[in-house]
């Protein structure tokens, strides 16, 4: 499990750095988020949920049944759209209402 940060999409807001429980995300020399050792990522997905511009994706490896798919999250009000894109380009979106998130 690990995250991938697309620096070209990052706006340097630092919200991902604030929520990372492992303090793994830093800013590079251009003020963009970066992770130096992705293998240290715990896979909590906090940074993905905080990123407002979809600059962070979560790699879903074979061990999780994801076969290399990438998960990103887009927020619209109380709704989080969890988007899973397979290596073949297929996209699946799962909508989660944050007000009900503790009910699962």
PDB file of N, CA and C in Angstrom:
ATOM      1  N   UNK A   1       0.845  -1.175   0.000  1.00  0.00           N
ATOM      2  CA  UNK A   1       0.000   0.000   0.000  1.00  0.00           C
ATOM      3  C   UNK A   1       0.883   1.227   0.000  1.00  0.00           C
ATOM      4  N   UNK A   2       0.533   2.151  -0.835  1.00  0.00           N
ATOM      5  CA  UNK A   2       1.219   3.431  -0.754  1.00  0.00           C
ATOM      6  C   UNK A   2       0.471   4.458  -1.593  1.00  0.00           C
ATOM      7  N   UNK A   3       0.853   5.678  -1.384  1.00  0.00           N
ATOM      8  CA  UNK A   3       0.222   6.767  -2.112  1.00  0.00           C
ATOM      9  C   UNK A   3       1.127   7.210  -3.247  1.00  0.00           C
ATOM     10  N   UNK A   4       0.523   7.876  -4.208  1.00  0.00           N
ATOM     11  CA  UNK A   4       1.259   8.505  -5.294  1.00  0.00           C
ATOM     12  C   UNK A   4       0.798   9.955  -5.359  1.00  0.00           C
ATOM     13  N   UNK A   5       1.733  10.867  -5.319  1.00  0.00           N
ATOM     14  CA  UNK A   5       1.409  12.285  -5.389  1.00  0.00           C
ATOM     15  C   UNK A   5       1.774  12.799  -6.771  1.00  0.00           C
ATOM     16  N   UNK A   6       0.795  13.361  -7.457  1.00  0.00           N
ATOM     17  CA  UNK A   6       1.041  13.956  -8.770  1.00  0.00           C
ATOM     18  C   UNK A   6       1.351  15.429  -8.547  1.00  0.00           C
ATOM     19  N   UNK A   7       2.629  15.753  -8.564  1.00  0.00           N
ATOM     20  CA  UNK A   7       3.051  17.121  -8.237  1.00  0.00           C
ATOM     21  C   UNK A   7       2.469  18.153  -9.194  1.00  0.00           C
ATOM     22  N   UNK A   8       2.199  17.760 -10.437  1.00  0.00           N
ATOM     23  CA  UNK A   8       1.634  18.722 -11.378  1.00  0.00           C
ATOM     24  C   UNK A   8       0.220  19.145 -10.988  1.00  0.00           C
ATOM     25  N   UNK A   9      -0.467  18.344 -10.186  1.00  0.00           N
ATOM     26  CA  UNK A   9      -1.813  18.692  -9.722  1.00  0.00           C
ATOM     27  C   UNK A   9      -1.809  19.354  -8.346  1.00  0.00           C
ATOM     28  N   UNK A  10      -0.732  19.176  -7.585  1.00  0.00           N
ATOM     29  CA  UNK A  10      -0.659  19.699  -6.213  1.00  0.00           C
ATOM     30  C   UNK A  10      -0.635  21.233  -6.229  1.00  0.00           C
ATOM     31  N   UNK A  11      -1.406  21.834  -5.325  1.00  0.00           N
ATOM     32  CA  UNK A  11      -1.425  23.295  -5.210  1.00  0.00           C
ATOM     33  C   UNK A  11      -0.630  23.783  -3.996  1.00  0.00           C
ATOM     34  N   UNK A  12      -0.029  22.843  -3.253  1.00  0.00           N
ATOM     35  CA  UNK A  12       0.834  23.203  -2.132  1.00  0.00           C
ATOM     36  C   UNK A  12       0.099  23.713  -0.911  1.00  0.00           C
ATOM     37  N   UNK A  13      -1.156  23.310  -0.723  1.00  0.00           N
ATOM     38  CA  UNK A  13      -1.938  23.809   0.413  1.00  0.00           C
ATOM     39  C   UNK A  13      -1.460  23.221   1.746  1.00  0.00           C
ATOM     40  N   UNK A  14      -0.844  22.055   1.731  1.00  0.00           N
ATOM     41  CA  UNK A  14      -0.302  21.448   2.944  1.00  0.00           C
ATOM     42  C   UNK A  14      -1.301  20.679   3.787  1.00  0.00           C
ATOM     43  N   UNK A  15      -2.554  20.575   3.335  1.00  0.00           N
ATOM     44  CA  UNK A  15      -3.560  19.857   4.131  1.00  0.00           C
ATOM     45  C   UNK A  15      -3.187  18.385   4.308  1.00  0.00           C
ATOM     46  N   UNK A  16      -2.588  17.780   3.288  1.00  0.00           N
ATOM     47  CA  UNK A  16      -2.176  16.378   3.388  1.00  0.00           C
ATOM     48  C   UNK A  16      -1.093  16.201   4.451  1.00  0.00           C
ATOM     49  N   UNK A  17      -0.214  17.177   4.574  1.00  0.00           N
ATOM     50  CA  UNK A  17       0.854  17.105   5.567  1.00  0.00           C
ATOM     51  C   UNK A  17       0.278  17.155   6.978  1.00  0.00           C
ATOM     52  N   UNK A  18      -0.764  17.952   7.157  1.00  0.00           N
ATOM     53  CA  UNK A  18      -1.366  18.114   8.481  1.00  0.00           C
ATOM     54  C   UNK A  18      -2.055  16.853   8.981  1.00  0.00           C
ATOM     55  N   UNK A  19      -2.600  16.048   8.070  1.00  0.00           N
ATOM     56  CA  UNK A  19      -3.370  14.877   8.501  1.00  0.00           C
ATOM     57  C   UNK A  19      -2.581  13.577   8.455  1.00  0.00           C
ATOM     58  N   UNK A  20      -1.404  13.575   7.887  1.00  0.00           N
ATOM     59  CA  UNK A  20      -0.618  12.333   7.796  1.00  0.00           C
ATOM     60  C   UNK A  20      -0.158  11.916   9.197  1.00  0.00           C
ATOM     61  N   UNK A  21      -0.652  10.762   9.700  1.00  0.00           N
ATOM     62  CA  UNK A  21      -0.277  10.350  11.053  1.00  0.00           C
ATOM     63  C   UNK A  21       1.185   9.937  11.172  1.00  0.00           C
ATOM     64  N   UNK A  22       1.810   9.606  10.061  1.00  0.00           N
ATOM     65  CA  UNK A  22       3.214   9.200  10.098  1.00  0.00           C
ATOM     66  C   UNK A  22       4.176  10.335   9.792  1.00  0.00           C
ATOM     67  N   UNK A  23       3.635  11.536   9.562  1.00  0.00           N
ATOM     68  CA  UNK A  23       4.464  12.693   9.226  1.00  0.00           C
ATOM     69  C   UNK A  23       5.386  12.390   8.039  1.00  0.00           C
ATOM     70  N   UNK A  24       4.833  11.698   7.039  1.00  0.00           N
ATOM     71  CA  UNK A  24       5.631  11.239   5.906  1.00  0.00           C
ATOM     72  C   UNK A  24       5.620  12.205   4.732  1.00  0.00           C
ATOM     73  N   UNK A  25       4.628  13.091   4.671  1.00  0.00           N
ATOM     74  CA  UNK A  25       4.504  13.986   3.521  1.00  0.00           C
ATOM     75  C   UNK A  25       5.171  15.316   3.846  1.00  0.00           C
ATOM     76  N   UNK A  26       6.009  15.743   2.949  1.00  0.00           N
ATOM     77  CA  UNK A  26       6.742  17.013   3.086  1.00  0.00           C
ATOM     78  C   UNK A  26       6.505  17.841   1.836  1.00  0.00           C
ATOM     79  N   UNK A  27       7.027  19.048   1.824  1.00  0.00           N
ATOM     80  CA  UNK A  27       7.008  19.867   0.612  1.00  0.00           C
ATOM     81  C   UNK A  27       8.383  19.812  -0.027  1.00  0.00           C
ATOM     82  N   UNK A  28       8.386  19.747  -1.363  1.00  0.00           N
ATOM     83  CA  UNK A  28       9.659  19.755  -2.074  1.00  0.00           C
ATOM     84  C   UNK A  28      10.124  21.196  -2.295  1.00  0.00           C
ATOM     85  N   UNK A  29      11.176  21.372  -3.041  1.00  0.00           N
ATOM     86  CA  UNK A  29      11.752  22.701  -3.266  1.00  0.00           C
ATOM     87  C   UNK A  29      10.813  23.633  -4.026  1.00  0.00           C
ATOM     88  N   UNK A  30       9.778  23.060  -4.663  1.00  0.00           N
ATOM     89  CA  UNK A  30       8.793  23.875  -5.392  1.00  0.00           C
ATOM     90  C   UNK A  30       7.521  24.128  -4.581  1.00  0.00           C
ATOM     91  N   UNK A  31       7.519  23.692  -3.316  1.00  0.00           N
ATOM     92  CA  UNK A  31       6.349  23.894  -2.465  1.00  0.00           C
ATOM     93  C   UNK A  31       5.232  22.894  -2.715  1.00  0.00           C
ATOM     94  N   UNK A  32       5.540  21.807  -3.413  1.00  0.00           N
ATOM     95  CA  UNK A  32       4.562  20.762  -3.710  1.00  0.00           C
ATOM     96  C   UNK A  32       4.741  19.592  -2.740  1.00  0.00           C
ATOM     97  N   UNK A  33       3.637  18.907  -2.465  1.00  0.00           N
ATOM     98  CA  UNK A  33       3.700  17.751  -1.570  1.00  0.00           C
ATOM     99  C   UNK A  33       4.510  16.635  -2.202  1.00  0.00           C
ATOM    100  N   UNK A  34       5.261  15.942  -1.356  1.00  0.00           N
ATOM    101  CA  UNK A  34       6.003  14.774  -1.823  1.00  0.00           C
ATOM    102  C   UNK A  34       6.168  13.814  -0.656  1.00  0.00           C
ATOM    103  N   UNK A  35       6.359  12.564  -0.976  1.00  0.00           N
ATOM    104  CA  UNK A  35       6.617  11.551   0.048  1.00  0.00           C
ATOM    105  C   UNK A  35       7.944  10.902  -0.324  1.00  0.00           C
ATOM    106  N   UNK A  36       8.864  10.921   0.588  1.00  0.00           N
ATOM    107  CA  UNK A  36      10.203  10.432   0.276  1.00  0.00           C
ATOM    108  C   UNK A  36      10.279   8.910   0.284  1.00  0.00           C
ATOM    109  N   UNK A  37       9.579   8.280   1.206  1.00  0.00           N
ATOM    110  CA  UNK A  37       9.612   6.812   1.280  1.00  0.00           C
ATOM    111  C   UNK A  37       8.182   6.275   1.253  1.00  0.00           C
ATOM    112  N   UNK A  38       7.613   6.096   0.053  1.00  0.00           N
ATOM    113  CA  UNK A  38       6.218   5.630  -0.052  1.00  0.00           C
ATOM    114  C   UNK A  38       5.971   4.305   0.646  1.00  0.00           C
ATOM    115  N   UNK A  39       6.975   3.443   0.754  1.00  0.00           N
ATOM    116  CA  UNK A  39       6.764   2.143   1.395  1.00  0.00           C
ATOM    117  C   UNK A  39       6.456   2.279   2.891  1.00  0.00           C
ATOM    118  N   UNK A  40       6.749   3.439   3.477  1.00  0.00           N
ATOM    119  CA  UNK A  40       6.451   3.666   4.890  1.00  0.00           C
ATOM    120  C   UNK A  40       5.000   4.077   5.125  1.00  0.00           C
ATOM    121  N   UNK A  41       4.255   4.339   4.037  1.00  0.00           N
ATOM    122  CA  UNK A  41       2.855   4.767   4.160  1.00  0.00           C
ATOM    123  C   UNK A  41       2.027   3.673   4.828  1.00  0.00           C
ATOM    124  N   UNK A  42       1.212   4.051   5.779  1.00  0.00           N
ATOM    125  CA  UNK A  42       0.385   3.092   6.519  1.00  0.00           C
ATOM    126  C   UNK A  42      -0.897   2.761   5.768  1.00  0.00           C
ATOM    127  N   UNK A  43      -1.233   3.554   4.770  1.00  0.00           N
ATOM    128  CA  UNK A  43      -2.442   3.311   3.994  1.00  0.00           C
ATOM    129  C   UNK A  43      -3.707   3.779   4.675  1.00  0.00           C
ATOM    130  N   UNK A  44      -3.613   4.799   5.503  1.00  0.00           N
ATOM    131  CA  UNK A  44      -4.790   5.285   6.242  1.00  0.00           C
ATOM    132  C   UNK A  44      -5.735   6.080   5.337  1.00  0.00           C
ATOM    133  N   UNK A  45      -5.262   6.582   4.216  1.00  0.00           N
ATOM    134  CA  UNK A  45      -5.982   7.376   3.209  1.00  0.00           C
ATOM    135  C   UNK A  45      -6.429   8.754   3.701  1.00  0.00           C
ATOM    136  N   UNK A  46      -5.933   9.204   4.841  1.00  0.00           N
ATOM    137  CA  UNK A  46      -6.304  10.538   5.339  1.00  0.00           C
ATOM    138  C   UNK A  46      -5.920  11.635   4.349  1.00  0.00           C
ATOM    139  N   UNK A  47      -4.740  11.540   3.784  1.00  0.00           N
ATOM    140  CA  UNK A  47      -4.268  12.565   2.851  1.00  0.00           C
ATOM    141  C   UNK A  47      -5.127  12.608   1.587  1.00  0.00           C
ATOM    142  N   UNK A  48      -5.561  11.441   1.143  1.00  0.00           N
ATOM    143  CA  UNK A  48      -6.374  11.362  -0.071  1.00  0.00           C
ATOM    144  C   UNK A  48      -7.702  12.081   0.146  1.00  0.00           C
ATOM    145  N   UNK A  49      -8.287  11.870   1.323  1.00  0.00           N
ATOM    146  CA  UNK A  49      -9.576  12.491   1.629  1.00  0.00           C
ATOM    147  C   UNK A  49      -9.456  14.000   1.811  1.00  0.00           C
ATOM    148  N   UNK A  50      -8.290  14.490   2.201  1.00  0.00           N
ATOM    149  CA  UNK A  50      -8.099  15.932   2.416  1.00  0.00           C
ATOM    150  C   UNK A  50      -7.702  16.675   1.149  1.00  0.00           C
ATOM    151  N   UNK A  51      -7.146  15.965   0.178  1.00  0.00           N
ATOM    152  CA  UNK A  51      -6.670  16.631  -1.039  1.00  0.00           C
ATOM    153  C   UNK A  51      -7.859  17.117  -1.872  1.00  0.00           C
ATOM    154  N   UNK A  52      -7.940  18.423  -2.034  1.00  0.00           N
ATOM    155  CA  UNK A  52      -9.076  19.024  -2.739  1.00  0.00           C
ATOM    156  C   UNK A  52      -8.924  18.998  -4.251  1.00  0.00           C
ATOM    157  N   UNK A  53      -7.731  18.647  -4.736  1.00  0.00           N
ATOM    158  CA  UNK A  53      -7.491  18.722  -6.181  1.00  0.00           C
ATOM    159  C   UNK A  53      -7.116  17.370  -6.793  1.00  0.00           C
ATOM    160  N   UNK A  54      -7.399  16.280  -6.069  1.00  0.00           N
ATOM    161  CA  UNK A  54      -7.111  14.919  -6.569  1.00  0.00           C
ATOM    162  C   UNK A  54      -5.654  14.731  -6.979  1.00  0.00           C
ATOM    163  N   UNK A  55      -4.751  15.326  -6.230  1.00  0.00           N
ATOM    164  CA  UNK A  55      -3.331  15.176  -6.553  1.00  0.00           C
ATOM    165  C   UNK A  55      -2.729  13.925  -5.936  1.00  0.00           C
ATOM    166  N   UNK A  56      -3.482  13.280  -5.034  1.00  0.00           N
ATOM    167  CA  UNK A  56      -2.950  12.097  -4.352  1.00  0.00           C
ATOM    168  C   UNK A  56      -3.815  10.893  -4.689  1.00  0.00           C
ATOM    169  N   UNK A  57      -3.165   9.845  -5.123  1.00  0.00           N
ATOM    170  CA  UNK A  57      -3.850   8.587  -5.405  1.00  0.00           C
ATOM    171  C   UNK A  57      -3.307   7.498  -4.509  1.00  0.00           C
ATOM    172  N   UNK A  58      -4.155   6.524  -4.225  1.00  0.00           N
ATOM    173  CA  UNK A  58      -3.768   5.395  -3.382  1.00  0.00           C
ATOM    174  C   UNK A  58      -3.640   4.176  -4.270  1.00  0.00           C
ATOM    175  N   UNK A  59      -2.460   3.594  -4.318  1.00  0.00           N
ATOM    176  CA  UNK A  59      -2.186   2.440  -5.164  1.00  0.00           C
ATOM    177  C   UNK A  59      -2.774   1.193  -4.526  1.00  0.00           C
ATOM    178  N   UNK A  60      -3.641   0.510  -5.261  1.00  0.00           N
ATOM    179  CA  UNK A  60      -4.274  -0.704  -4.781  1.00  0.00           C
ATOM    180  C   UNK A  60      -3.560  -1.894  -5.402  1.00  0.00           C
ATOM    181  N   UNK A  61      -2.626  -2.445  -4.673  1.00  0.00           N
ATOM    182  CA  UNK A  61      -1.808  -3.534  -5.187  1.00  0.00           C
ATOM    183  C   UNK A  61      -2.535  -4.867  -5.245  1.00  0.00           C
ATOM    184  N   UNK A  62      -1.833  -5.841  -5.732  1.00  0.00           N
ATOM    185  CA  UNK A  62      -2.381  -7.191  -5.868  1.00  0.00           C
ATOM    186  C   UNK A  62      -2.786  -7.747  -4.516  1.00  0.00           C
ATOM    187  N   UNK A  63      -2.025  -7.431  -3.480  1.00  0.00           N
ATOM    188  CA  UNK A  63      -2.333  -7.955  -2.146  1.00  0.00           C
ATOM    189  C   UNK A  63      -3.690  -7.488  -1.634  1.00  0.00           C
ATOM    190  N   UNK A  64      -4.213  -6.390  -2.187  1.00  0.00           N
ATOM    191  CA  UNK A  64      -5.526  -5.882  -1.779  1.00  0.00           C
ATOM    192  C   UNK A  64      -6.601  -6.208  -2.814  1.00  0.00           C
ATOM    193  N   UNK A  65      -6.251  -6.939  -3.847  1.00  0.00           N
ATOM    194  CA  UNK A  65      -7.206  -7.271  -4.888  1.00  0.00           C
ATOM    195  C   UNK A  65      -7.401  -6.161  -5.893  1.00  0.00           C
ATOM    196  N   UNK A  66      -6.556  -5.149  -5.845  1.00  0.00           N
ATOM    197  CA  UNK A  66      -6.720  -3.993  -6.732  1.00  0.00           C
ATOM    198  C   UNK A  66      -6.003  -4.118  -8.050  1.00  0.00           C
ATOM    199  N   UNK A  67      -5.115  -5.081  -8.187  1.00  0.00           N
ATOM    200  CA  UNK A  67      -4.383  -5.348  -9.428  1.00  0.00           C
ATOM    201  C   UNK A  67      -3.760  -4.094 -10.029  1.00  0.00           C
ATOM    202  N   UNK A  68      -3.313  -3.178  -9.192  1.00  0.00           N
ATOM    203  CA  UNK A  68      -2.653  -1.992  -9.706  1.00  0.00           C
ATOM    204  C   UNK A  68      -3.565  -0.810  -9.970  1.00  0.00           C
ATOM    205  N   UNK A  69      -4.791  -0.901  -9.509  1.00  0.00           N
ATOM    206  CA  UNK A  69      -5.713   0.227  -9.667  1.00  0.00           C
ATOM    207  C   UNK A  69      -5.288   1.377  -8.753  1.00  0.00           C
ATOM    208  N   UNK A  70      -5.798   2.560  -9.045  1.00  0.00           N
ATOM    209  CA  UNK A  70      -5.480   3.735  -8.231  1.00  0.00           C
ATOM    210  C   UNK A  70      -6.780   4.358  -7.746  1.00  0.00           C
ATOM    211  N   UNK A  71      -6.831   4.657  -6.444  1.00  0.00           N
ATOM    212  CA  UNK A  71      -8.002   5.253  -5.799  1.00  0.00           C
ATOM    213  C   UNK A  71      -7.751   6.732  -5.558  1.00  0.00           C
ATOM    214  N   UNK A  72      -8.702   7.572  -5.941  1.00  0.00           N
ATOM    215  CA  UNK A  72      -8.671   8.993  -5.601  1.00  0.00           C
ATOM    216  C   UNK A  72     -10.037   9.364  -5.024  1.00  0.00           C
ATOM    217  N   UNK A  73     -10.086  10.474  -4.307  1.00  0.00           N
ATOM    218  CA  UNK A  73     -11.334  10.898  -3.675  1.00  0.00           C
ATOM    219  C   UNK A  73     -11.614  12.347  -4.052  1.00  0.00           C
ATOM    220  N   UNK A  74     -12.859  12.621  -4.426  1.00  0.00           N
ATOM    221  CA  UNK A  74     -13.291  13.993  -4.706  1.00  0.00           C
ATOM    222  C   UNK A  74     -14.473  14.291  -3.795  1.00  0.00           C
ATOM    223  N   UNK A  75     -14.435  15.429  -3.119  1.00  0.00           N
ATOM    224  CA  UNK A  75     -15.508  15.822  -2.208  1.00  0.00           C
ATOM    225  C   UNK A  75     -16.441  16.817  -2.873  1.00  0.00           C
ATOM    226  N   UNK A  76     -17.739  16.627  -2.614  1.00  0.00           N
ATOM    227  CA  UNK A  76     -18.750  17.608  -3.002  1.00  0.00           C
ATOM    228  C   UNK A  76     -19.701  17.714  -1.826  1.00  0.00           C
ATOM    229  N   UNK A  77     -19.501  18.717  -0.999  1.00  0.00           N
ATOM    230  CA  UNK A  77     -20.309  18.853   0.211  1.00  0.00           C
ATOM    231  C   UNK A  77     -20.054  17.691   1.151  1.00  0.00           C
ATOM    232  N   UNK A  78     -21.113  16.982   1.540  1.00  0.00           N
ATOM    233  CA  UNK A  78     -20.986  15.844   2.447  1.00  0.00           C
ATOM    234  C   UNK A  78     -20.658  14.543   1.712  1.00  0.00           C
ATOM    235  N   UNK A  79     -20.678  14.584   0.403  1.00  0.00           N
ATOM    236  CA  UNK A  79     -20.479  13.369  -0.385  1.00  0.00           C
ATOM    237  C   UNK A  79     -19.021  13.248  -0.835  1.00  0.00           C
ATOM    238  N   UNK A  80     -18.427  12.077  -0.583  1.00  0.00           N
ATOM    239  CA  UNK A  80     -17.104  11.744  -1.099  1.00  0.00           C
ATOM    240  C   UNK A  80     -17.290  10.768  -2.251  1.00  0.00           C
ATOM    241  N   UNK A  81     -16.726  11.102  -3.399  1.00  0.00           N
ATOM    242  CA  UNK A  81     -16.765  10.222  -4.560  1.00  0.00           C
ATOM    243  C   UNK A  81     -15.429   9.482  -4.611  1.00  0.00           C
ATOM    244  N   UNK A  82     -15.452   8.207  -4.242  1.00  0.00           N
ATOM    245  CA  UNK A  82     -14.252   7.376  -4.262  1.00  0.00           C
ATOM    246  C   UNK A  82     -14.149   6.795  -5.668  1.00  0.00           C
ATOM    247  N   UNK A  83     -13.135   7.215  -6.414  1.00  0.00           N
ATOM    248  CA  UNK A  83     -12.968   6.781  -7.798  1.00  0.00           C
ATOM    249  C   UNK A  83     -11.823   5.789  -7.896  1.00  0.00           C
ATOM    250  N   UNK A  84     -12.106   4.634  -8.462  1.00  0.00           N
ATOM    251  CA  UNK A  84     -11.100   3.589  -8.640  1.00  0.00           C
ATOM    252  C   UNK A  84     -10.872   3.415 -10.135  1.00  0.00           C
ATOM    253  N   UNK A  85      -9.640   3.649 -10.575  1.00  0.00           N
ATOM    254  CA  UNK A  85      -9.307   3.500 -11.984  1.00  0.00           C
ATOM    255  C   UNK A  85      -8.360   2.323 -12.159  1.00  0.00           C
ATOM    256  N   UNK A  86      -8.775   1.374 -12.977  1.00  0.00           N
ATOM    257  CA  UNK A  86      -7.962   0.178 -13.205  1.00  0.00           C
ATOM    258  C   UNK A  86      -6.837   0.500 -14.187  1.00  0.00           C
ATOM    259  N   UNK A  87      -5.818  -0.363 -14.240  1.00  0.00           N
ATOM    260  CA  UNK A  87      -4.730  -0.144 -15.204  1.00  0.00           C
ATOM    261  C   UNK A  87      -5.237  -0.137 -16.649  1.00  0.00           C
ATOM    262  N   UNK A  88      -6.383  -0.783 -16.895  1.00  0.00           N
ATOM    263  CA  UNK A  88      -6.948  -0.810 -18.244  1.00  0.00           C
ATOM    264  C   UNK A  88      -7.769   0.430 -18.552  1.00  0.00           C
ATOM    265  N   UNK A  89      -7.927   1.338 -17.570  1.00  0.00           N
ATOM    266  CA  UNK A  89      -8.661   2.572 -17.780  1.00  0.00           C
ATOM    267  C   UNK A  89     -10.120   2.530 -17.368  1.00  0.00           C
ATOM    268  N   UNK A  90     -10.586   1.390 -16.847  1.00  0.00           N
ATOM    269  CA  UNK A  90     -11.967   1.316 -16.369  1.00  0.00           C
ATOM    270  C   UNK A  90     -12.094   2.106 -15.064  1.00  0.00           C
ATOM    271  N   UNK A  91     -13.198   2.832 -14.931  1.00  0.00           N
ATOM    272  CA  UNK A  91     -13.404   3.674 -13.756  1.00  0.00           C
ATOM    273  C   UNK A  91     -14.674   3.246 -13.038  1.00  0.00           C
ATOM    274  N   UNK A  92     -14.562   3.105 -11.720  1.00  0.00           N
ATOM    275  CA  UNK A  92     -15.720   2.791 -10.877  1.00  0.00           C
ATOM    276  C   UNK A  92     -15.780   3.863  -9.793  1.00  0.00           C
ATOM    277  N   UNK A  93     -16.955   4.422  -9.565  1.00  0.00           N
ATOM    278  CA  UNK A  93     -17.119   5.478  -8.559  1.00  0.00           C
ATOM    279  C   UNK A  93     -18.064   4.991  -7.474  1.00  0.00           C
ATOM    280  N   UNK A  94     -17.640   5.138  -6.227  1.00  0.00           N
ATOM    281  CA  UNK A  94     -18.456   4.769  -5.069  1.00  0.00           C
ATOM    282  C   UNK A  94     -18.708   6.050  -4.283  1.00  0.00           C
ATOM    283  N   UNK A  95     -19.969   6.417  -4.106  1.00  0.00           N
ATOM    284  CA  UNK A  95     -20.322   7.624  -3.375  1.00  0.00           C
ATOM    285  C   UNK A  95     -20.589   7.292  -1.908  1.00  0.00           C
ATOM    286  N   UNK A  96     -19.967   8.058  -1.007  1.00  0.00           N
ATOM    287  CA  UNK A  96     -20.135   7.853   0.427  1.00  0.00           C
ATOM    288  C   UNK A  96     -20.547   9.180   1.056  1.00  0.00           C
ATOM    289  N   UNK A  97     -21.675   9.176   1.756  1.00  0.00           N
ATOM    290  CA  UNK A  97     -22.124  10.356   2.493  1.00  0.00           C
ATOM    291  C   UNK A  97     -21.383  10.383   3.829  1.00  0.00           C
ATOM    292  N   UNK A  98     -20.573  11.407   4.042  1.00  0.00           N
ATOM    293  CA  UNK A  98     -19.757  11.477   5.259  1.00  0.00           C
ATOM    294  C   UNK A  98     -20.601  11.518   6.523  1.00  0.00           C
ATOM    295  N   UNK A  99     -21.826  11.983   6.424  1.00  0.00           N
ATOM    296  CA  UNK A  99     -22.680  12.024   7.605  1.00  0.00           C
ATOM    297  C   UNK A  99     -23.055  10.621   8.068  1.00  0.00           C
ATOM    298  N   UNK A 100     -22.979   9.634   7.159  1.00  0.00           N
ATOM    299  CA  UNK A 100     -23.299   8.248   7.488  1.00  0.00           C
ATOM    300  C   UNK A 100     -22.056   7.380   7.631  1.00  0.00           C
ATOM    301  N   UNK A 101     -20.873   7.961   7.556  1.00  0.00           N
ATOM    302  CA  UNK A 101     -19.656   7.147   7.502  1.00  0.00           C
ATOM    303  C   UNK A 101     -19.420   6.308   8.750  1.00  0.00           C
ATOM    304  N   UNK A 102     -19.935   6.691   9.882  1.00  0.00           N
ATOM    305  CA  UNK A 102     -19.746   5.893  11.099  1.00  0.00           C
ATOM    306  C   UNK A 102     -20.795   4.796  11.245  1.00  0.00           C
ATOM    307  N   UNK A 103     -21.691   4.713  10.287  1.00  0.00           N
ATOM    308  CA  UNK A 103     -22.733   3.691  10.344  1.00  0.00           C
ATOM    309  C   UNK A 103     -22.329   2.389   9.674  1.00  0.00           C
ATOM    310  N   UNK A 104     -21.176   2.356   9.016  1.00  0.00           N
ATOM    311  CA  UNK A 104     -20.766   1.142   8.290  1.00  0.00           C
ATOM    312  C   UNK A 104     -19.967   0.223   9.179  1.00  0.00           C
TER     313      UNK A 104
END
